[in-house]
Amino acid sequence: MLGGMAAHGRGTAVALTVSGAYSFLVAATTPFTVAADAAVAAPLAVASVLLAVAWRGDLAHGGASGLRTGSSTAPPVALPWFVLVGLVVGWEVVCFVALPRSLHPTLSSMYDAVSRCRPAKAVIVFGWLALGRQLVRR
């Protein structure tokens, strides 16, 4: 049992190290270049494959990740995501129609200001990877 916990700890340490290094690699790219696009697309491709494999495994075992079939309501776990997306969309719409932009920044303009600093951009990428990991694990 202790050996399994140690192996899990090593795996977590390796995942954190690789994710941290990858975050700094992505932070070093210039936006809207092939290198930046590829660096962002790689984790999306990996996540898509992992989700497809997990989904296929659930279907092979007669389940669908605990989602109710034939129900017209979203699972309660989805409610916070709907609220978050609604708040973000609302923020973007208000900022889009409000002028001047310097007083009402959009998320992309705030990100642009922060991402000029490579370490800050690396922290944002690391957070993005961590969020993606949590979504894939569910």
N, C-alpha and C. Protein backbone atom coordinates (compact mmCIF):
# COMPACT_ATOMS: atom_id res chain seq x y z
N MET A 1 0.82 -1.18 0.00
CA MET A 1 0.00 0.00 0.00
C MET A 1 0.87 1.25 0.00
N LEU A 2 1.91 1.27 0.80
CA LEU A 2 2.78 2.43 0.84
C LEU A 2 3.50 2.61 -0.48
N GLY A 3 3.85 1.50 -1.13
CA GLY A 3 4.50 1.59 -2.43
C GLY A 3 3.62 2.24 -3.46
N GLY A 4 2.32 1.95 -3.41
CA GLY A 4 1.37 2.57 -4.34
C GLY A 4 1.23 4.05 -4.09
N MET A 5 1.25 4.45 -2.81
CA MET A 5 1.16 5.86 -2.47
C MET A 5 2.40 6.61 -2.93
N ALA A 6 3.57 5.97 -2.79
CA ALA A 6 4.81 6.60 -3.23
C ALA A 6 4.83 6.75 -4.74
N ALA A 7 4.36 5.72 -5.44
CA ALA A 7 4.30 5.80 -6.90
C ALA A 7 3.33 6.89 -7.33
N HIS A 8 2.20 7.02 -6.64
CA HIS A 8 1.23 8.08 -6.96
C HIS A 8 1.86 9.45 -6.73
N GLY A 9 2.61 9.59 -5.63
CA GLY A 9 3.28 10.85 -5.34
C GLY A 9 4.32 11.20 -6.39
N ARG A 10 5.07 10.20 -6.85
CA ARG A 10 6.04 10.43 -7.92
C ARG A 10 5.34 10.83 -9.20
N GLY A 11 4.23 10.16 -9.50
CA GLY A 11 3.48 10.50 -10.71
C GLY A 11 2.95 11.92 -10.66
N THR A 12 2.48 12.33 -9.50
CA THR A 12 1.99 13.70 -9.34
C THR A 12 3.13 14.69 -9.49
N ALA A 13 4.28 14.38 -8.90
CA ALA A 13 5.44 15.27 -9.01
C ALA A 13 5.90 15.40 -10.47
N VAL A 14 5.90 14.28 -11.18
CA VAL A 14 6.29 14.31 -12.59
C VAL A 14 5.28 15.14 -13.39
N ALA A 15 3.98 14.93 -13.14
CA ALA A 15 2.95 15.68 -13.86
C ALA A 15 3.06 17.17 -13.59
N LEU A 16 3.32 17.55 -12.35
CA LEU A 16 3.48 18.97 -12.01
C LEU A 16 4.72 19.56 -12.67
N THR A 17 5.81 18.80 -12.69
CA THR A 17 7.05 19.27 -13.30
C THR A 17 6.88 19.45 -14.81
N VAL A 18 6.29 18.45 -15.46
CA VAL A 18 6.07 18.53 -16.90
C VAL A 18 5.11 19.68 -17.23
N SER A 19 4.05 19.82 -16.46
CA SER A 19 3.09 20.90 -16.70
C SER A 19 3.73 22.27 -16.50
N GLY A 20 4.55 22.39 -15.46
CA GLY A 20 5.24 23.66 -15.22
C GLY A 20 6.21 24.01 -16.34
N ALA A 21 6.99 23.03 -16.77
CA ALA A 21 7.94 23.26 -17.86
C ALA A 21 7.18 23.60 -19.16
N TYR A 22 6.10 22.88 -19.41
CA TYR A 22 5.30 23.15 -20.61
C TYR A 22 4.70 24.55 -20.56
N SER A 23 4.28 24.97 -19.37
CA SER A 23 3.70 26.31 -19.22
C SER A 23 4.72 27.39 -19.59
N PHE A 24 5.96 27.21 -19.16
CA PHE A 24 7.00 28.19 -19.51
C PHE A 24 7.34 28.12 -21.00
N LEU A 25 7.26 26.94 -21.60
CA LEU A 25 7.48 26.80 -23.04
C LEU A 25 6.41 27.57 -23.81
N VAL A 26 5.15 27.40 -23.42
CA VAL A 26 4.06 28.10 -24.09
C VAL A 26 4.19 29.61 -23.87
N ALA A 27 4.60 30.01 -22.67
CA ALA A 27 4.74 31.43 -22.36
C ALA A 27 5.82 32.10 -23.22
N ALA A 28 6.76 31.31 -23.71
CA ALA A 28 7.83 31.86 -24.54
C ALA A 28 7.41 32.05 -25.99
N THR A 29 6.25 31.55 -26.38
CA THR A 29 5.82 31.68 -27.77
C THR A 29 5.21 33.06 -28.01
N THR A 30 5.22 33.47 -29.26
CA THR A 30 4.59 34.72 -29.67
C THR A 30 3.16 34.41 -30.10
N PRO A 31 2.19 35.18 -29.60
CA PRO A 31 0.78 34.90 -29.95
C PRO A 31 0.55 34.92 -31.47
N PHE A 32 -0.38 34.09 -31.90
CA PHE A 32 -0.83 34.01 -33.30
C PHE A 32 0.26 33.53 -34.25
N THR A 33 1.20 32.73 -33.75
CA THR A 33 2.20 32.10 -34.61
C THR A 33 1.90 30.60 -34.66
N VAL A 34 2.52 29.92 -35.60
CA VAL A 34 2.33 28.47 -35.71
C VAL A 34 2.79 27.78 -34.43
N ALA A 35 3.89 28.24 -33.86
CA ALA A 35 4.40 27.62 -32.62
C ALA A 35 3.39 27.78 -31.48
N ALA A 36 2.82 28.95 -31.35
CA ALA A 36 1.84 29.19 -30.28
C ALA A 36 0.58 28.36 -30.52
N ASP A 37 0.12 28.33 -31.76
CA ASP A 37 -1.07 27.54 -32.08
C ASP A 37 -0.84 26.06 -31.79
N ALA A 38 0.31 25.55 -32.17
CA ALA A 38 0.62 24.13 -31.93
C ALA A 38 0.75 23.86 -30.43
N ALA A 39 1.37 24.77 -29.70
CA ALA A 39 1.54 24.58 -28.27
C ALA A 39 0.20 24.55 -27.54
N VAL A 40 -0.75 25.33 -28.00
CA VAL A 40 -2.08 25.35 -27.38
C VAL A 40 -2.90 24.15 -27.87
N ALA A 41 -2.74 23.76 -29.11
CA ALA A 41 -3.52 22.65 -29.67
C ALA A 41 -3.11 21.30 -29.09
N ALA A 42 -1.86 21.14 -28.71
CA ALA A 42 -1.39 19.85 -28.21
C ALA A 42 -2.17 19.37 -26.98
N PRO A 43 -2.33 20.18 -25.92
CA PRO A 43 -3.10 19.68 -24.78
C PRO A 43 -4.57 19.46 -25.12
N LEU A 44 -5.11 20.27 -26.03
CA LEU A 44 -6.50 20.07 -26.45
C LEU A 44 -6.66 18.72 -27.16
N ALA A 45 -5.69 18.36 -27.98
CA ALA A 45 -5.74 17.08 -28.68
C ALA A 45 -5.62 15.92 -27.69
N VAL A 46 -4.70 16.05 -26.75
CA VAL A 46 -4.52 14.99 -25.74
C VAL A 46 -5.80 14.84 -24.92
N ALA A 47 -6.37 15.95 -24.47
CA ALA A 47 -7.61 15.90 -23.68
C ALA A 47 -8.74 15.27 -24.48
N SER A 48 -8.84 15.60 -25.77
CA SER A 48 -9.89 15.03 -26.60
C SER A 48 -9.75 13.52 -26.72
N VAL A 49 -8.53 13.05 -26.90
CA VAL A 49 -8.30 11.61 -26.99
C VAL A 49 -8.63 10.93 -25.66
N LEU A 50 -8.19 11.52 -24.55
CA LEU A 50 -8.48 10.93 -23.24
C LEU A 50 -9.98 10.90 -22.96
N LEU A 51 -10.68 11.95 -23.33
CA LEU A 51 -12.14 11.96 -23.15
C LEU A 51 -12.82 10.91 -24.02
N ALA A 52 -12.37 10.77 -25.25
CA ALA A 52 -12.96 9.78 -26.15
C ALA A 52 -12.73 8.36 -25.61
N VAL A 53 -11.52 8.09 -25.12
CA VAL A 53 -11.22 6.77 -24.57
C VAL A 53 -12.07 6.51 -23.32
N ALA A 54 -12.17 7.51 -22.44
CA ALA A 54 -12.97 7.34 -21.22
C ALA A 54 -14.44 7.15 -21.57
N TRP A 55 -14.94 7.91 -22.53
CA TRP A 55 -16.34 7.80 -22.92
C TRP A 55 -16.61 6.42 -23.51
N ARG A 56 -15.71 5.97 -24.36
CA ARG A 56 -15.87 4.65 -24.96
C ARG A 56 -15.84 3.56 -23.89
N GLY A 57 -14.97 3.71 -22.90
CA GLY A 57 -14.90 2.74 -21.81
C GLY A 57 -16.18 2.73 -20.99
N ASP A 58 -16.77 3.91 -20.75
CA ASP A 58 -18.03 3.98 -20.02
C ASP A 58 -19.14 3.29 -20.79
N LEU A 59 -19.18 3.50 -22.10
CA LEU A 59 -20.22 2.89 -22.91
C LEU A 59 -20.06 1.37 -22.95
N ALA A 60 -18.81 0.90 -22.97
CA ALA A 60 -18.56 -0.54 -23.00
C ALA A 60 -18.99 -1.21 -21.69
N HIS A 61 -18.99 -0.44 -20.61
CA HIS A 61 -19.40 -0.98 -19.32
C HIS A 61 -20.86 -0.67 -19.00
N GLY A 62 -21.61 -0.20 -19.99
CA GLY A 62 -23.04 0.01 -19.82
C GLY A 62 -23.43 1.30 -19.13
N GLY A 63 -22.51 2.22 -18.96
CA GLY A 63 -22.82 3.49 -18.30
C GLY A 63 -22.52 4.65 -19.21
N ALA A 64 -22.86 5.81 -18.75
CA ALA A 64 -22.55 7.03 -19.48
C ALA A 64 -22.08 8.08 -18.49
N SER A 65 -21.07 7.75 -17.72
CA SER A 65 -20.47 8.66 -16.75
C SER A 65 -21.47 9.19 -15.74
N GLY A 66 -22.46 8.42 -15.42
CA GLY A 66 -23.41 8.83 -14.40
C GLY A 66 -24.46 9.80 -14.87
N LEU A 67 -24.49 10.13 -16.15
CA LEU A 67 -25.51 11.04 -16.65
C LEU A 67 -26.82 10.29 -16.80
N ARG A 68 -27.90 10.96 -16.46
CA ARG A 68 -29.22 10.33 -16.58
C ARG A 68 -29.65 10.37 -18.03
N THR A 69 -30.14 9.25 -18.51
CA THR A 69 -30.64 9.21 -19.87
C THR A 69 -32.13 9.49 -19.86
N GLY A 70 -32.60 10.15 -20.90
CA GLY A 70 -34.02 10.45 -21.01
C GLY A 70 -34.46 11.61 -20.13
N SER A 71 -33.54 12.29 -19.50
CA SER A 71 -33.88 13.42 -18.65
C SER A 71 -33.65 14.71 -19.42
N SER A 72 -34.55 15.66 -19.27
CA SER A 72 -34.41 16.91 -20.00
C SER A 72 -33.65 17.95 -19.18
N THR A 73 -33.30 17.64 -17.96
CA THR A 73 -32.58 18.61 -17.14
C THR A 73 -31.11 18.26 -17.10
N ALA A 74 -30.29 19.29 -16.94
CA ALA A 74 -28.85 19.08 -16.84
C ALA A 74 -28.53 18.53 -15.46
N PRO A 75 -27.48 17.73 -15.35
CA PRO A 75 -27.09 17.23 -14.04
C PRO A 75 -26.72 18.39 -13.11
N PRO A 76 -26.95 18.25 -11.80
CA PRO A 76 -26.66 19.35 -10.88
C PRO A 76 -25.20 19.79 -10.92
N VAL A 77 -24.31 18.89 -11.30
CA VAL A 77 -22.89 19.24 -11.38
C VAL A 77 -22.64 20.31 -12.45
N ALA A 78 -23.50 20.40 -13.44
CA ALA A 78 -23.31 21.36 -14.53
C ALA A 78 -23.76 22.76 -14.16
N LEU A 79 -24.56 22.92 -13.12
CA LEU A 79 -25.09 24.24 -12.76
C LEU A 79 -24.00 25.28 -12.52
N PRO A 80 -22.95 25.01 -11.76
CA PRO A 80 -21.92 26.04 -11.58
C PRO A 80 -21.26 26.46 -12.89
N TRP A 81 -21.13 25.53 -13.84
CA TRP A 81 -20.54 25.88 -15.13
C TRP A 81 -21.46 26.80 -15.92
N PHE A 82 -22.77 26.53 -15.87
CA PHE A 82 -23.72 27.41 -16.55
C PHE A 82 -23.68 28.81 -15.95
N VAL A 83 -23.59 28.89 -14.63
CA VAL A 83 -23.52 30.19 -13.96
C VAL A 83 -22.23 30.91 -14.35
N LEU A 84 -21.11 30.20 -14.34
CA LEU A 84 -19.83 30.81 -14.70
C LEU A 84 -19.84 31.31 -16.14
N VAL A 85 -20.31 30.50 -17.06
CA VAL A 85 -20.37 30.92 -18.46
C VAL A 85 -21.30 32.11 -18.62
N GLY A 86 -22.44 32.10 -17.93
CA GLY A 86 -23.36 33.23 -17.99
C GLY A 86 -22.73 34.52 -17.48
N LEU A 87 -21.98 34.43 -16.38
CA LEU A 87 -21.31 35.61 -15.85
C LEU A 87 -20.24 36.14 -16.81
N VAL A 88 -19.47 35.25 -17.39
CA VAL A 88 -18.43 35.66 -18.33
C VAL A 88 -19.05 36.31 -19.57
N VAL A 89 -20.08 35.69 -20.12
CA VAL A 89 -20.74 36.26 -21.30
C VAL A 89 -21.34 37.62 -20.96
N GLY A 90 -21.98 37.72 -19.81
CA GLY A 90 -22.54 39.00 -19.39
C GLY A 90 -21.48 40.08 -19.26
N TRP A 91 -20.35 39.73 -18.64
CA TRP A 91 -19.23 40.67 -18.49
C TRP A 91 -18.74 41.14 -19.86
N GLU A 92 -18.55 40.19 -20.77
CA GLU A 92 -18.05 40.54 -22.10
C GLU A 92 -19.01 41.46 -22.85
N VAL A 93 -20.30 41.19 -22.77
CA VAL A 93 -21.29 42.03 -23.46
C VAL A 93 -21.30 43.44 -22.89
N VAL A 94 -21.31 43.55 -21.57
CA VAL A 94 -21.30 44.88 -20.93
C VAL A 94 -20.04 45.64 -21.32
N CYS A 95 -18.90 44.99 -21.27
CA CYS A 95 -17.64 45.66 -21.61
C CYS A 95 -17.57 46.00 -23.09
N PHE A 96 -18.18 45.18 -23.92
CA PHE A 96 -18.15 45.43 -25.37
C PHE A 96 -18.92 46.70 -25.72
N VAL A 97 -20.06 46.91 -25.08
CA VAL A 97 -20.87 48.08 -25.43
C VAL A 97 -20.49 49.32 -24.65
N ALA A 98 -19.77 49.17 -23.54
CA ALA A 98 -19.37 50.32 -22.73
C ALA A 98 -18.09 50.93 -23.28
N LEU A 99 -18.06 52.22 -23.34
CA LEU A 99 -16.87 52.92 -23.80
C LEU A 99 -16.41 53.86 -22.71
N PRO A 100 -15.20 54.20 -22.57
CA PRO A 100 -14.03 53.74 -23.31
C PRO A 100 -13.54 52.37 -22.82
N ARG A 101 -12.82 51.70 -23.69
CA ARG A 101 -12.36 50.35 -23.40
C ARG A 101 -11.41 50.31 -22.20
N SER A 102 -10.65 51.38 -22.00
CA SER A 102 -9.71 51.40 -20.87
C SER A 102 -10.44 51.36 -19.53
N LEU A 103 -11.66 51.87 -19.48
CA LEU A 103 -12.44 51.83 -18.24
C LEU A 103 -13.27 50.56 -18.12
N HIS A 104 -13.51 49.89 -19.24
CA HIS A 104 -14.34 48.68 -19.26
C HIS A 104 -13.61 47.59 -20.06
N PRO A 105 -12.55 47.01 -19.49
CA PRO A 105 -11.76 46.03 -20.25
C PRO A 105 -12.48 44.69 -20.41
N THR A 106 -12.25 44.06 -21.55
CA THR A 106 -12.75 42.70 -21.77
C THR A 106 -11.73 41.72 -21.20
N LEU A 107 -12.11 40.46 -21.10
CA LEU A 107 -11.18 39.45 -20.59
C LEU A 107 -9.93 39.35 -21.45
N SER A 108 -10.10 39.46 -22.77
CA SER A 108 -8.94 39.35 -23.64
C SER A 108 -7.99 40.53 -23.46
N SER A 109 -8.51 41.73 -23.24
CA SER A 109 -7.62 42.87 -23.03
C SER A 109 -6.91 42.76 -21.68
N MET A 110 -7.59 42.21 -20.67
CA MET A 110 -6.93 42.00 -19.37
C MET A 110 -5.84 40.93 -19.51
N TYR A 111 -6.14 39.87 -20.26
CA TYR A 111 -5.15 38.82 -20.48
C TYR A 111 -3.93 39.39 -21.23
N ASP A 112 -4.18 40.20 -22.26
CA ASP A 112 -3.08 40.79 -23.01
C ASP A 112 -2.16 41.60 -22.10
N ALA A 113 -2.74 42.36 -21.18
CA ALA A 113 -1.94 43.17 -20.27
C ALA A 113 -1.09 42.29 -19.35
N VAL A 114 -1.67 41.20 -18.85
CA VAL A 114 -0.95 40.31 -17.94
C VAL A 114 0.07 39.45 -18.69
N SER A 115 -0.27 39.01 -19.88
CA SER A 115 0.59 38.06 -20.59
C SER A 115 1.86 38.68 -21.15
N ARG A 116 2.02 39.97 -21.03
CA ARG A 116 3.28 40.59 -21.45
C ARG A 116 4.43 40.14 -20.55
N CYS A 117 4.09 39.73 -19.34
CA CYS A 117 5.09 39.23 -18.38
C CYS A 117 5.09 37.70 -18.51
N ARG A 118 6.21 37.13 -18.98
CA ARG A 118 6.26 35.69 -19.24
C ARG A 118 5.94 34.82 -18.04
N PRO A 119 6.47 35.12 -16.85
CA PRO A 119 6.10 34.28 -15.70
C PRO A 119 4.59 34.31 -15.41
N ALA A 120 3.97 35.48 -15.56
CA ALA A 120 2.52 35.57 -15.34
C ALA A 120 1.77 34.76 -16.39
N LYS A 121 2.25 34.82 -17.63
CA LYS A 121 1.63 34.04 -18.70
C LYS A 121 1.79 32.55 -18.42
N ALA A 122 2.94 32.14 -17.91
CA ALA A 122 3.17 30.73 -17.57
C ALA A 122 2.21 30.28 -16.47
N VAL A 123 1.96 31.14 -15.48
CA VAL A 123 1.02 30.79 -14.41
C VAL A 123 -0.38 30.63 -14.98
N ILE A 124 -0.76 31.48 -15.90
CA ILE A 124 -2.09 31.38 -16.54
C ILE A 124 -2.19 30.07 -17.32
N VAL A 125 -1.16 29.72 -18.08
CA VAL A 125 -1.17 28.47 -18.84
C VAL A 125 -1.23 27.28 -17.89
N PHE A 126 -0.49 27.33 -16.79
CA PHE A 126 -0.52 26.25 -15.81
C PHE A 126 -1.93 26.09 -15.24
N GLY A 127 -2.58 27.20 -14.93
CA GLY A 127 -3.97 27.15 -14.44
C GLY A 127 -4.90 26.56 -15.48
N TRP A 128 -4.68 26.91 -16.73
CA TRP A 128 -5.50 26.38 -17.83
C TRP A 128 -5.31 24.86 -17.93
N LEU A 129 -4.06 24.40 -17.80
CA LEU A 129 -3.79 22.96 -17.82
C LEU A 129 -4.44 22.26 -16.63
N ALA A 130 -4.36 22.88 -15.45
CA ALA A 130 -4.96 22.28 -14.25
C ALA A 130 -6.49 22.19 -14.40
N LEU A 131 -7.10 23.23 -14.94
CA LEU A 131 -8.55 23.19 -15.17
C LEU A 131 -8.89 22.08 -16.16
N GLY A 132 -8.13 21.98 -17.23
CA GLY A 132 -8.36 20.91 -18.21
C GLY A 132 -8.21 19.54 -17.59
N ARG A 133 -7.24 19.37 -16.72
CA ARG A 133 -7.05 18.08 -16.03
C ARG A 133 -8.27 17.75 -15.19
N GLN A 134 -8.78 18.72 -14.48
CA GLN A 134 -9.96 18.48 -13.63
C GLN A 134 -11.17 18.12 -14.48
N LEU A 135 -11.32 18.78 -15.62
CA LEU A 135 -12.46 18.47 -16.50
C LEU A 135 -12.34 17.06 -17.06
N VAL A 136 -11.13 16.65 -17.43
CA VAL A 136 -10.93 15.31 -17.98
C VAL A 136 -11.14 14.25 -16.91
N ARG A 137 -10.73 14.52 -15.68
CA ARG A 137 -10.88 13.54 -14.60
C ARG A 137 -12.33 13.30 -14.24
N ARG A 138 -13.20 14.24 -14.46
CA ARG A 138 -14.62 14.06 -14.15
C ARG A 138 -15.21 13.20 -15.20
